């Protein structure tokens, strides 16, 4: 894992706090023109992590909201996601398991339509998670409380574009709030359906 010095960690934490504050402000401000989109969705994700960690992630999105007058953007879609993560490290009968519960606000924006009708979106989010065991995969991750960062692309398809496939980079770390902060990195492949 890349070692980061203290001023850089402080700057990263300030950026995280600013983004989380902006997301909360955008999703809760009555002054913003917004509309509800599909009301709910569920997702199943496959996680392939660094250091031979793999896992499964189950997510629920209770609401997606469109912000029509976001600064510098025509509109943004924002959803809150609650997830349960199951991580496994090692092989066969010699492995460790760990669990995490996370809450993440996620911002997405369509930047292209495949064949003129299937939206391709970028998305990013920074949320919080509660990890069961701080000793995992030969690492001391320092805290039960971790940030859940994501950056990805998603492609909507199906009837009324109610299904979505996404690929993401996901990172869990305590943001330097503890002296032990090796972080956990994952490649994420996700399938979700809205209803």
C-alpha atoms as a PDB file:
ATOM      1  CA  UNK A   1       0.000   0.000   0.000  1.00  0.00           C
ATOM      2  CA  UNK A   2       1.227   3.465  -0.853  1.00  0.00           C
ATOM      3  CA  UNK A   3       2.449   5.441   2.162  1.00  0.00           C
ATOM      4  CA  UNK A   4       0.866   8.884   2.408  1.00  0.00           C
ATOM      5  CA  UNK A   5       2.283  11.701   4.506  1.00  0.00           C
ATOM      6  CA  UNK A   6       0.209  13.594   7.077  1.00  0.00           C
ATOM      7  CA  UNK A   7      -0.510  16.799   5.060  1.00  0.00           C
ATOM      8  CA  UNK A   8      -1.772  14.701   2.133  1.00  0.00           C
ATOM      9  CA  UNK A   9      -3.992  12.624   4.466  1.00  0.00           C
ATOM     10  CA  UNK A  10      -5.384  15.835   5.946  1.00  0.00           C
ATOM     11  CA  UNK A  11      -6.138  17.180   2.465  1.00  0.00           C
ATOM     12  CA  UNK A  12      -7.835  13.907   1.489  1.00  0.00           C
ATOM     13  CA  UNK A  13     -10.002  14.054   4.624  1.00  0.00           C
ATOM     14  CA  UNK A  14     -10.976  17.668   3.878  1.00  0.00           C
ATOM     15  CA  UNK A  15     -11.998  16.665   0.337  1.00  0.00           C
ATOM     16  CA  UNK A  16     -14.022  13.718   1.694  1.00  0.00           C
ATOM     17  CA  UNK A  17     -15.778  15.940   4.237  1.00  0.00           C
ATOM     18  CA  UNK A  18     -16.526  18.550   1.560  1.00  0.00           C
ATOM     19  CA  UNK A  19     -17.978  15.971  -0.846  1.00  0.00           C
ATOM     20  CA  UNK A  20     -20.115  14.334   1.846  1.00  0.00           C
ATOM     21  CA  UNK A  21     -21.368  17.764   2.972  1.00  0.00           C
ATOM     22  CA  UNK A  22     -22.181  18.730  -0.625  1.00  0.00           C
ATOM     23  CA  UNK A  23     -24.100  15.491  -1.202  1.00  0.00           C
ATOM     24  CA  UNK A  24     -26.091  15.946   2.012  1.00  0.00           C
ATOM     25  CA  UNK A  25     -26.815  19.568   1.102  1.00  0.00           C
ATOM     26  CA  UNK A  26     -27.913  18.669  -2.429  1.00  0.00           C
ATOM     27  CA  UNK A  27     -30.172  15.829  -1.316  1.00  0.00           C
ATOM     28  CA  UNK A  28     -31.814  17.658   1.576  1.00  0.00           C
ATOM     29  CA  UNK A  29     -32.179  21.234   0.330  1.00  0.00           C
ATOM     30  CA  UNK A  30     -35.793  22.128  -0.526  1.00  0.00           C
ATOM     31  CA  UNK A  31     -34.541  25.050  -2.638  1.00  0.00           C
ATOM     32  CA  UNK A  32     -33.062  22.676  -5.224  1.00  0.00           C
ATOM     33  CA  UNK A  33     -35.423  21.610  -7.992  1.00  0.00           C
ATOM     34  CA  UNK A  34     -35.472  17.837  -7.844  1.00  0.00           C
ATOM     35  CA  UNK A  35     -37.588  14.930  -8.912  1.00  0.00           C
ATOM     36  CA  UNK A  36     -37.767  11.361  -7.699  1.00  0.00           C
ATOM     37  CA  UNK A  37     -36.844   8.769 -10.284  1.00  0.00           C
ATOM     38  CA  UNK A  38     -37.370   5.048  -9.882  1.00  0.00           C
ATOM     39  CA  UNK A  39     -38.117   4.653  -6.206  1.00  0.00           C
ATOM     40  CA  UNK A  40     -36.067   1.610  -5.231  1.00  0.00           C
ATOM     41  CA  UNK A  41     -33.368  -0.740  -6.480  1.00  0.00           C
ATOM     42  CA  UNK A  42     -31.402  -3.711  -5.277  1.00  0.00           C
ATOM     43  CA  UNK A  43     -27.919  -4.766  -6.343  1.00  0.00           C
ATOM     44  CA  UNK A  44     -25.632  -7.767  -6.137  1.00  0.00           C
ATOM     45  CA  UNK A  45     -21.909  -7.066  -6.516  1.00  0.00           C
ATOM     46  CA  UNK A  46     -18.884  -9.288  -6.960  1.00  0.00           C
ATOM     47  CA  UNK A  47     -15.763  -7.959  -5.227  1.00  0.00           C
ATOM     48  CA  UNK A  48     -12.230  -8.855  -6.286  1.00  0.00           C
ATOM     49  CA  UNK A  49      -9.736  -7.275  -3.937  1.00  0.00           C
ATOM     50  CA  UNK A  50      -6.058  -6.742  -3.449  1.00  0.00           C
ATOM     51  CA  UNK A  51      -4.137  -9.291  -1.373  1.00  0.00           C
ATOM     52  CA  UNK A  52      -6.337 -12.236  -2.486  1.00  0.00           C
ATOM     53  CA  UNK A  53      -9.497 -10.823  -0.917  1.00  0.00           C
ATOM     54  CA  UNK A  54     -12.794 -11.602  -2.618  1.00  0.00           C
ATOM     55  CA  UNK A  55     -16.346 -10.940  -1.629  1.00  0.00           C
ATOM     56  CA  UNK A  56     -19.997 -10.359  -2.235  1.00  0.00           C
ATOM     57  CA  UNK A  57     -21.913  -7.145  -1.665  1.00  0.00           C
ATOM     58  CA  UNK A  58     -25.695  -6.831  -1.340  1.00  0.00           C
ATOM     59  CA  UNK A  59     -27.124  -3.333  -1.659  1.00  0.00           C
ATOM     60  CA  UNK A  60     -30.456  -1.548  -1.373  1.00  0.00           C
ATOM     61  CA  UNK A  61     -31.169   1.917  -2.783  1.00  0.00           C
ATOM     62  CA  UNK A  62     -34.375   3.295  -1.298  1.00  0.00           C
ATOM     63  CA  UNK A  63     -34.590   6.381  -3.512  1.00  0.00           C
ATOM     64  CA  UNK A  64     -32.918   8.034  -6.490  1.00  0.00           C
ATOM     65  CA  UNK A  65     -33.291  11.776  -6.833  1.00  0.00           C
ATOM     66  CA  UNK A  66     -32.483  14.007  -9.788  1.00  0.00           C
ATOM     67  CA  UNK A  67     -31.080  17.452  -9.027  1.00  0.00           C
ATOM     68  CA  UNK A  68     -32.095  19.610 -11.994  1.00  0.00           C
ATOM     69  CA  UNK A  69     -30.053  22.727 -11.299  1.00  0.00           C
ATOM     70  CA  UNK A  70     -26.714  21.469  -9.963  1.00  0.00           C
ATOM     71  CA  UNK A  71     -23.903  24.008 -10.404  1.00  0.00           C
ATOM     72  CA  UNK A  72     -21.669  23.239 -13.440  1.00  0.00           C
ATOM     73  CA  UNK A  73     -23.968  20.360 -14.501  1.00  0.00           C
ATOM     74  CA  UNK A  74     -27.307  20.311 -16.246  1.00  0.00           C
ATOM     75  CA  UNK A  75     -28.473  17.704 -13.728  1.00  0.00           C
ATOM     76  CA  UNK A  76     -27.128  15.038 -11.363  1.00  0.00           C
ATOM     77  CA  UNK A  77     -28.693  11.825 -10.123  1.00  0.00           C
ATOM     78  CA  UNK A  78     -28.104  11.066  -6.448  1.00  0.00           C
ATOM     79  CA  UNK A  79     -28.950   7.913  -4.593  1.00  0.00           C
ATOM     80  CA  UNK A  80     -28.332   6.629  -1.085  1.00  0.00           C
ATOM     81  CA  UNK A  81     -27.148   3.050  -0.834  1.00  0.00           C
ATOM     82  CA  UNK A  82     -27.199   0.731   2.173  1.00  0.00           C
ATOM     83  CA  UNK A  83     -25.017  -2.343   1.731  1.00  0.00           C
ATOM     84  CA  UNK A  84     -23.788  -5.453   3.482  1.00  0.00           C
ATOM     85  CA  UNK A  85     -20.340  -6.662   2.444  1.00  0.00           C
ATOM     86  CA  UNK A  86     -19.011 -10.186   2.921  1.00  0.00           C
ATOM     87  CA  UNK A  87     -15.230 -10.428   2.461  1.00  0.00           C
ATOM     88  CA  UNK A  88     -13.080 -13.545   2.410  1.00  0.00           C
ATOM     89  CA  UNK A  89      -9.303 -13.886   2.474  1.00  0.00           C
ATOM     90  CA  UNK A  90      -7.224 -16.998   1.858  1.00  0.00           C
ATOM     91  CA  UNK A  91      -7.912 -20.320   0.199  1.00  0.00           C
ATOM     92  CA  UNK A  92      -9.938 -23.451   0.944  1.00  0.00           C
ATOM     93  CA  UNK A  93     -10.029 -24.372   4.644  1.00  0.00           C
ATOM     94  CA  UNK A  94      -7.539 -21.697   5.711  1.00  0.00           C
ATOM     95  CA  UNK A  95      -9.368 -18.447   5.269  1.00  0.00           C
ATOM     96  CA  UNK A  96     -10.715 -15.467   7.167  1.00  0.00           C
ATOM     97  CA  UNK A  97     -14.096 -13.825   6.743  1.00  0.00           C
ATOM     98  CA  UNK A  98     -15.076 -10.265   7.551  1.00  0.00           C
ATOM     99  CA  UNK A  99     -18.295  -8.285   7.266  1.00  0.00           C
ATOM    100  CA  UNK A 100     -19.117  -4.623   6.773  1.00  0.00           C
ATOM    101  CA  UNK A 101     -22.279  -2.535   6.726  1.00  0.00           C
ATOM    102  CA  UNK A 102     -22.097   0.691   4.735  1.00  0.00           C
ATOM    103  CA  UNK A 103     -24.159   3.781   3.963  1.00  0.00           C
ATOM    104  CA  UNK A 104     -23.078   5.785   0.923  1.00  0.00           C
ATOM    105  CA  UNK A 105     -24.483   8.717  -0.992  1.00  0.00           C
ATOM    106  CA  UNK A 106     -23.611   8.296  -4.681  1.00  0.00           C
ATOM    107  CA  UNK A 107     -23.660  10.925  -7.433  1.00  0.00           C
ATOM    108  CA  UNK A 108     -24.040   9.833 -11.052  1.00  0.00           C
ATOM    109  CA  UNK A 109     -24.243  11.658 -14.362  1.00  0.00           C
ATOM    110  CA  UNK A 110     -25.119  10.364 -17.824  1.00  0.00           C
ATOM    111  CA  UNK A 111     -22.424  11.301 -20.319  1.00  0.00           C
ATOM    112  CA  UNK A 112     -23.383   9.166 -23.346  1.00  0.00           C
ATOM    113  CA  UNK A 113     -26.298   7.179 -24.769  1.00  0.00           C
ATOM    114  CA  UNK A 114     -25.427   3.863 -26.435  1.00  0.00           C
ATOM    115  CA  UNK A 115     -27.569   3.487 -29.588  1.00  0.00           C
ATOM    116  CA  UNK A 116     -29.282   6.685 -28.514  1.00  0.00           C
ATOM    117  CA  UNK A 117     -31.268   5.063 -25.692  1.00  0.00           C
ATOM    118  CA  UNK A 118     -29.066   3.234 -23.139  1.00  0.00           C
ATOM    119  CA  UNK A 119     -27.419   5.635 -20.655  1.00  0.00           C
ATOM    120  CA  UNK A 120     -23.738   5.297 -19.819  1.00  0.00           C
ATOM    121  CA  UNK A 121     -22.994   7.063 -16.511  1.00  0.00           C
ATOM    122  CA  UNK A 122     -20.018   7.869 -14.348  1.00  0.00           C
ATOM    123  CA  UNK A 123     -20.556   7.685 -10.612  1.00  0.00           C
ATOM    124  CA  UNK A 124     -18.687   8.455  -7.446  1.00  0.00           C
ATOM    125  CA  UNK A 125     -19.458   8.415  -3.772  1.00  0.00           C
ATOM    126  CA  UNK A 126     -17.937   8.564  -0.342  1.00  0.00           C
ATOM    127  CA  UNK A 127     -19.756   6.948   2.530  1.00  0.00           C
ATOM    128  CA  UNK A 128     -19.160   5.366   5.894  1.00  0.00           C
ATOM    129  CA  UNK A 129     -18.918   1.724   6.875  1.00  0.00           C
ATOM    130  CA  UNK A 130     -18.740  -0.349  10.013  1.00  0.00           C
ATOM    131  CA  UNK A 131     -16.368  -3.332   9.719  1.00  0.00           C
ATOM    132  CA  UNK A 132     -16.696  -6.289  12.082  1.00  0.00           C
ATOM    133  CA  UNK A 133     -12.995  -7.193  12.547  1.00  0.00           C
ATOM    134  CA  UNK A 134     -10.089  -4.742  12.393  1.00  0.00           C
ATOM    135  CA  UNK A 135      -7.594  -7.601  11.927  1.00  0.00           C
ATOM    136  CA  UNK A 136      -8.143  -8.929   8.416  1.00  0.00           C
ATOM    137  CA  UNK A 137      -6.056 -10.298   5.533  1.00  0.00           C
ATOM    138  CA  UNK A 138      -2.893 -10.000   7.589  1.00  0.00           C
ATOM    139  CA  UNK A 139      -3.524  -6.298   8.190  1.00  0.00           C
ATOM    140  CA  UNK A 140      -4.565  -4.141  11.096  1.00  0.00           C
ATOM    141  CA  UNK A 141      -7.007  -1.759   9.412  1.00  0.00           C
ATOM    142  CA  UNK A 142      -6.982   0.392  12.523  1.00  0.00           C
ATOM    143  CA  UNK A 143     -10.650   1.039  13.165  1.00  0.00           C
ATOM    144  CA  UNK A 144     -14.085  -0.502  12.856  1.00  0.00           C
ATOM    145  CA  UNK A 145     -15.165   2.744  11.170  1.00  0.00           C
ATOM    146  CA  UNK A 146     -14.004   3.112   7.566  1.00  0.00           C
ATOM    147  CA  UNK A 147     -14.735   5.393   4.633  1.00  0.00           C
ATOM    148  CA  UNK A 148     -16.191   3.669   1.562  1.00  0.00           C
ATOM    149  CA  UNK A 149     -14.985   5.441  -1.595  1.00  0.00           C
ATOM    150  CA  UNK A 150     -16.097   4.491  -5.097  1.00  0.00           C
ATOM    151  CA  UNK A 151     -15.510   5.563  -8.663  1.00  0.00           C
ATOM    152  CA  UNK A 152     -17.174   3.762 -11.554  1.00  0.00           C
ATOM    153  CA  UNK A 153     -19.104   3.488 -14.781  1.00  0.00           C
ATOM    154  CA  UNK A 154     -22.607   2.100 -15.171  1.00  0.00           C
ATOM    155  CA  UNK A 155     -24.675   1.066 -18.168  1.00  0.00           C
ATOM    156  CA  UNK A 156     -28.495   0.965 -18.023  1.00  0.00           C
ATOM    157  CA  UNK A 157     -30.503  -1.470 -20.143  1.00  0.00           C
ATOM    158  CA  UNK A 158     -33.724  -3.493 -20.183  1.00  0.00           C
ATOM    159  CA  UNK A 159     -37.343  -2.402 -20.176  1.00  0.00           C
ATOM    160  CA  UNK A 160     -37.388   1.298 -19.305  1.00  0.00           C
ATOM    161  CA  UNK A 161     -33.639   1.045 -18.533  1.00  0.00           C
ATOM    162  CA  UNK A 162     -34.523  -0.513 -15.176  1.00  0.00           C
ATOM    163  CA  UNK A 163     -31.455  -2.777 -15.072  1.00  0.00           C
ATOM    164  CA  UNK A 164     -27.897  -1.616 -14.654  1.00  0.00           C
ATOM    165  CA  UNK A 165     -24.447  -3.140 -14.900  1.00  0.00           C
ATOM    166  CA  UNK A 166     -21.577  -1.252 -13.271  1.00  0.00           C
ATOM    167  CA  UNK A 167     -17.844  -1.633 -12.847  1.00  0.00           C
ATOM    168  CA  UNK A 168     -16.172   0.262 -10.035  1.00  0.00           C
ATOM    169  CA  UNK A 169     -13.012   0.797  -8.086  1.00  0.00           C
ATOM    170  CA  UNK A 170     -13.846   0.741  -4.359  1.00  0.00           C
ATOM    171  CA  UNK A 171     -11.535   1.679  -1.503  1.00  0.00           C
ATOM    172  CA  UNK A 172     -12.073   1.271   2.228  1.00  0.00           C
ATOM    173  CA  UNK A 173      -9.866   3.129   4.691  1.00  0.00           C
ATOM    174  CA  UNK A 174     -10.151   5.024   7.937  1.00  0.00           C
ATOM    175  CA  UNK A 175      -8.815   8.171   6.266  1.00  0.00           C
ATOM    176  CA  UNK A 176      -5.888   8.483   8.623  1.00  0.00           C
ATOM    177  CA  UNK A 177      -8.126   8.767  11.694  1.00  0.00           C
ATOM    178  CA  UNK A 178      -6.056   5.906  13.126  1.00  0.00           C
ATOM    179  CA  UNK A 179      -2.300   5.385  12.797  1.00  0.00           C
ATOM    180  CA  UNK A 180      -2.962   1.994  11.151  1.00  0.00           C
ATOM    181  CA  UNK A 181      -4.506   2.734   7.767  1.00  0.00           C
ATOM    182  CA  UNK A 182      -3.452   0.225   5.095  1.00  0.00           C
ATOM    183  CA  UNK A 183      -6.822   0.360   3.323  1.00  0.00           C
ATOM    184  CA  UNK A 184      -8.571  -2.303   1.259  1.00  0.00           C
ATOM    185  CA  UNK A 185      -8.986  -1.980  -2.514  1.00  0.00           C
ATOM    186  CA  UNK A 186     -11.564  -3.775  -4.667  1.00  0.00           C
ATOM    187  CA  UNK A 187     -12.611  -4.130  -8.282  1.00  0.00           C
ATOM    188  CA  UNK A 188     -16.409  -4.306  -8.232  1.00  0.00           C
ATOM    189  CA  UNK A 189     -18.775  -5.737 -10.851  1.00  0.00           C
ATOM    190  CA  UNK A 190     -22.406  -4.956 -10.038  1.00  0.00           C
ATOM    191  CA  UNK A 191     -25.856  -5.851 -11.361  1.00  0.00           C
ATOM    192  CA  UNK A 192     -28.862  -3.868 -10.131  1.00  0.00           C
ATOM    193  CA  UNK A 193     -32.550  -3.680 -10.923  1.00  0.00           C
ATOM    194  CA  UNK A 194     -34.966  -0.816 -10.191  1.00  0.00           C
ATOM    195  CA  UNK A 195     -38.613  -1.309  -9.298  1.00  0.00           C
END
